[in-house]
C-alpha atoms as a PDB file:
ATOM      1  CA  MET A   1      29.892  -6.047  19.462  1.00  0.00           C
ATOM      2  CA  LEU A   2      27.568  -8.517  19.751  1.00  0.00           C
ATOM      3  CA  VAL A   3      28.652 -12.555  19.478  1.00  0.00           C
ATOM      4  CA  ALA A   4      26.727 -15.839  18.814  1.00  0.00           C
ATOM      5  CA  ALA A   5      27.535 -18.887  19.950  1.00  0.00           C
ATOM      6  CA  HIS A   6      26.197 -22.421  21.157  1.00  0.00           C
ATOM      7  CA  ALA A   7      27.546 -24.332  23.606  1.00  0.00           C
ATOM      8  CA  GLY A   8      31.465 -22.799  24.276  1.00  0.00           C
ATOM      9  CA  ALA A   9      31.743 -21.775  20.750  1.00  0.00           C
ATOM     10  CA  VAL A  10      31.266 -18.845  18.704  1.00  0.00           C
ATOM     11  CA  LEU A  11      29.156 -19.525  15.719  1.00  0.00           C
ATOM     12  CA  GLY A  12      29.039 -14.901  14.155  1.00  0.00           C
ATOM     13  CA  PHE A  13      29.379 -11.615  15.686  1.00  0.00           C
ATOM     14  CA  SER A  14      28.903  -8.138  14.895  1.00  0.00           C
ATOM     15  CA  SER A  15      30.384  -4.823  15.865  1.00  0.00           C
ATOM     16  CA  PHE A  16      29.847  -1.679  15.518  1.00  0.00           C
ATOM     17  CA  GLY A  17      29.668   2.058  15.941  1.00  0.00           C
ATOM     18  CA  GLN A  18      30.184   6.392  14.930  1.00  0.00           C
ATOM     19  CA  CYS A  19      30.903   6.146  10.916  1.00  0.00           C
ATOM     20  CA  ARG A  20      34.883   6.198  10.247  1.00  0.00           C
ATOM     21  CA  ASP A  21      34.256   8.639   6.975  1.00  0.00           C
ATOM     22  CA  ASP A  22      34.676  11.933   7.602  1.00  0.00           C
ATOM     23  CA  ASP A  23      31.284  12.476   5.101  1.00  0.00           C
ATOM     24  CA  LEU A  24      28.730  10.720   6.791  1.00  0.00           C
ATOM     25  CA  PRO A  25      29.615  11.903  10.991  1.00  0.00           C
ATOM     26  CA  ALA A  26      26.432  11.491  12.307  1.00  0.00           C
ATOM     27  CA  ALA A  27      25.872   7.787  10.988  1.00  0.00           C
ATOM     28  CA  SER A  28      27.017   5.119  12.528  1.00  0.00           C
ATOM     29  CA  GLU A  29      28.682   1.876  11.150  1.00  0.00           C
ATOM     30  CA  VAL A  30      28.618  -1.734  10.795  1.00  0.00           C
ATOM     31  CA  TYR A  31      32.578  -2.116  11.049  1.00  0.00           C
ATOM     32  CA  ALA A  32      32.538  -6.225  10.607  1.00  0.00           C
ATOM     33  CA  LEU A  33      29.702  -9.107  10.847  1.00  0.00           C
ATOM     34  CA  TYR A  34      30.568 -12.462  10.141  1.00  0.00           C
ATOM     35  CA  ALA A  35      29.172 -16.114  10.241  1.00  0.00           C
ATOM     36  CA  HIS A  36      31.063 -19.520  10.632  1.00  0.00           C
ATOM     37  CA  PRO A  37      31.110 -20.543   7.044  1.00  0.00           C
ATOM     38  CA  THR A  38      28.046 -23.248   9.149  1.00  0.00           C
ATOM     39  CA  GLN A  39      26.251 -20.961   9.651  1.00  0.00           C
ATOM     40  CA  TRP A  40      25.866 -19.820   6.269  1.00  0.00           C
ATOM     41  CA  SER A  41      22.214 -19.742   5.194  1.00  0.00           C
ATOM     42  CA  ARG A  42      20.472 -20.554   7.996  1.00  0.00           C
ATOM     43  CA  GLY A  43      19.906 -17.517   9.402  1.00  0.00           C
ATOM     44  CA  LEU A  44      22.787 -16.715  11.865  1.00  0.00           C
ATOM     45  CA  GLY A  45      23.882 -13.609   9.375  1.00  0.00           C
ATOM     46  CA  ARG A  46      19.601 -12.629   9.128  1.00  0.00           C
ATOM     47  CA  ALA A  47      19.596 -12.038  12.773  1.00  0.00           C
ATOM     48  CA  LEU A  48      22.393 -10.768  13.585  1.00  0.00           C
ATOM     49  CA  MET A  49      22.772  -7.706  11.275  1.00  0.00           C
ATOM     50  CA  ALA A  50      18.724  -7.238  12.755  1.00  0.00           C
ATOM     51  CA  ALA A  51      20.158  -6.916  16.010  1.00  0.00           C
ATOM     52  CA  THR A  52      22.954  -4.878  15.264  1.00  0.00           C
ATOM     53  CA  LEU A  53      20.086  -2.479  12.506  1.00  0.00           C
ATOM     54  CA  ASP A  54      18.274  -2.247  16.566  1.00  0.00           C
ATOM     55  CA  ARG A  55      20.888  -1.538  18.485  1.00  0.00           C
ATOM     56  CA  VAL A  56      22.189   2.319  16.181  1.00  0.00           C
ATOM     57  CA  SER A  57      20.966   5.115  14.495  1.00  0.00           C
ATOM     58  CA  ARG A  58      19.889   6.030  11.143  1.00  0.00           C
ATOM     59  CA  PRO A  59      21.584   5.992   8.186  1.00  0.00           C
ATOM     60  CA  VAL A  60      24.346   2.819   8.615  1.00  0.00           C
ATOM     61  CA  VAL A  61      27.430   2.960   6.396  1.00  0.00           C
ATOM     62  CA  LEU A  62      28.960  -0.654   5.810  1.00  0.00           C
ATOM     63  CA  TRP A  63      32.053  -1.317   3.522  1.00  0.00           C
ATOM     64  CA  ALA A  64      32.428  -4.903   1.776  1.00  0.00           C
ATOM     65  CA  LEU A  65      34.969  -5.997  -0.349  1.00  0.00           C
ATOM     66  CA  GLU A  66      34.423  -5.356  -4.166  1.00  0.00           C
ATOM     67  CA  ALA A  67      34.603  -9.315  -5.269  1.00  0.00           C
ATOM     68  CA  ASN A  68      32.955 -10.049  -2.696  1.00  0.00           C
ATOM     69  CA  ALA A  69      29.673 -11.032  -3.976  1.00  0.00           C
ATOM     70  CA  ARG A  70      27.886 -13.081  -1.106  1.00  0.00           C
ATOM     71  CA  ALA A  71      28.507 -10.793   1.133  1.00  0.00           C
ATOM     72  CA  ARG A  72      27.290  -7.643  -1.226  1.00  0.00           C
ATOM     73  CA  ARG A  73      24.834  -9.851  -1.554  1.00  0.00           C
ATOM     74  CA  PHE A  74      23.348 -10.730   1.659  1.00  0.00           C
ATOM     75  CA  TYR A  75      23.832  -6.699   2.638  1.00  0.00           C
ATOM     76  CA  GLU A  76      21.266  -5.825  -0.791  1.00  0.00           C
ATOM     77  CA  ILE A  77      18.916  -8.134   1.227  1.00  0.00           C
ATOM     78  CA  ALA A  78      19.393  -5.954   3.933  1.00  0.00           C
ATOM     79  CA  GLY A  79      18.174  -3.233   2.439  1.00  0.00           C
ATOM     80  CA  PHE A  80      21.936  -1.763   1.802  1.00  0.00           C
ATOM     81  CA  ARG A  81      22.337  -0.215  -1.164  1.00  0.00           C
ATOM     82  CA  THR A  82      25.548   1.442  -3.057  1.00  0.00           C
ATOM     83  CA  ASP A  83      26.898   4.878  -2.635  1.00  0.00           C
ATOM     84  CA  GLY A  84      28.915   5.297  -4.878  1.00  0.00           C
ATOM     85  CA  SER A  85      32.080   5.844  -3.004  1.00  0.00           C
ATOM     86  CA  VAL A  86      35.010   3.634  -3.331  1.00  0.00           C
ATOM     87  CA  LYS A  87      38.520   2.736  -1.274  1.00  0.00           C
ATOM     88  CA  ASP A  88      41.204   0.726  -1.391  1.00  0.00           C
ATOM     89  CA  ALA A  89      41.426  -1.604   1.479  1.00  0.00           C
ATOM     90  CA  ASP A  90      44.630  -2.704   2.668  1.00  0.00           C
ATOM     91  CA  LEU A  91      44.381  -6.788   3.840  1.00  0.00           C
ATOM     92  CA  TYR A  92      47.495  -8.043   5.196  1.00  0.00           C
ATOM     93  CA  GLY A  93      49.542  -6.577   2.318  1.00  0.00           C
ATOM     94  CA  ALA A  94      46.990  -6.615  -0.729  1.00  0.00           C
ATOM     95  CA  THR A  95      45.549  -4.154  -1.588  1.00  0.00           C
ATOM     96  CA  LEU A  96      41.562  -4.418  -3.184  1.00  0.00           C
ATOM     97  CA  PRO A  97      38.369  -2.012  -3.714  1.00  0.00           C
ATOM     98  CA  GLU A  98      35.927  -1.368  -1.034  1.00  0.00           C
ATOM     99  CA  VAL A  99      32.287  -0.051  -1.911  1.00  0.00           C
ATOM    100  CA  ARG A 100      30.285   1.380   1.232  1.00  0.00           C
ATOM    101  CA  TYR A 101      27.199   0.361   1.465  1.00  0.00           C
ATOM    102  CA  VAL A 102      24.506   2.735   3.207  1.00  0.00           C
ATOM    103  CA  LEU A 103      20.776   1.744   4.468  1.00  0.00           C
ATOM    104  CA  HIS A 104      18.855   4.595   5.290  1.00  0.00           C
END
């Protein structure tokens, strides 16, 4: 896990490790990457992604909510591409579709 903080306040974080998908056992996975909304479009997310990618082996996968256009655009700018895999995520009792992204 990486944490971005300033003056004792957490501004963002990423967590990553071994891919949890059975069909990609040798891949790494970005489990989460979040920046506080006050940090959006200021470079913090890009810096966290770059630091995360420096610490994992390729290929790298991540899952994004299908409806989260902002996050999906961010991942695509970072070089990730969808691979056609889709799954349902159970988030606090709501089932939402996720799409898988891969960076080779």
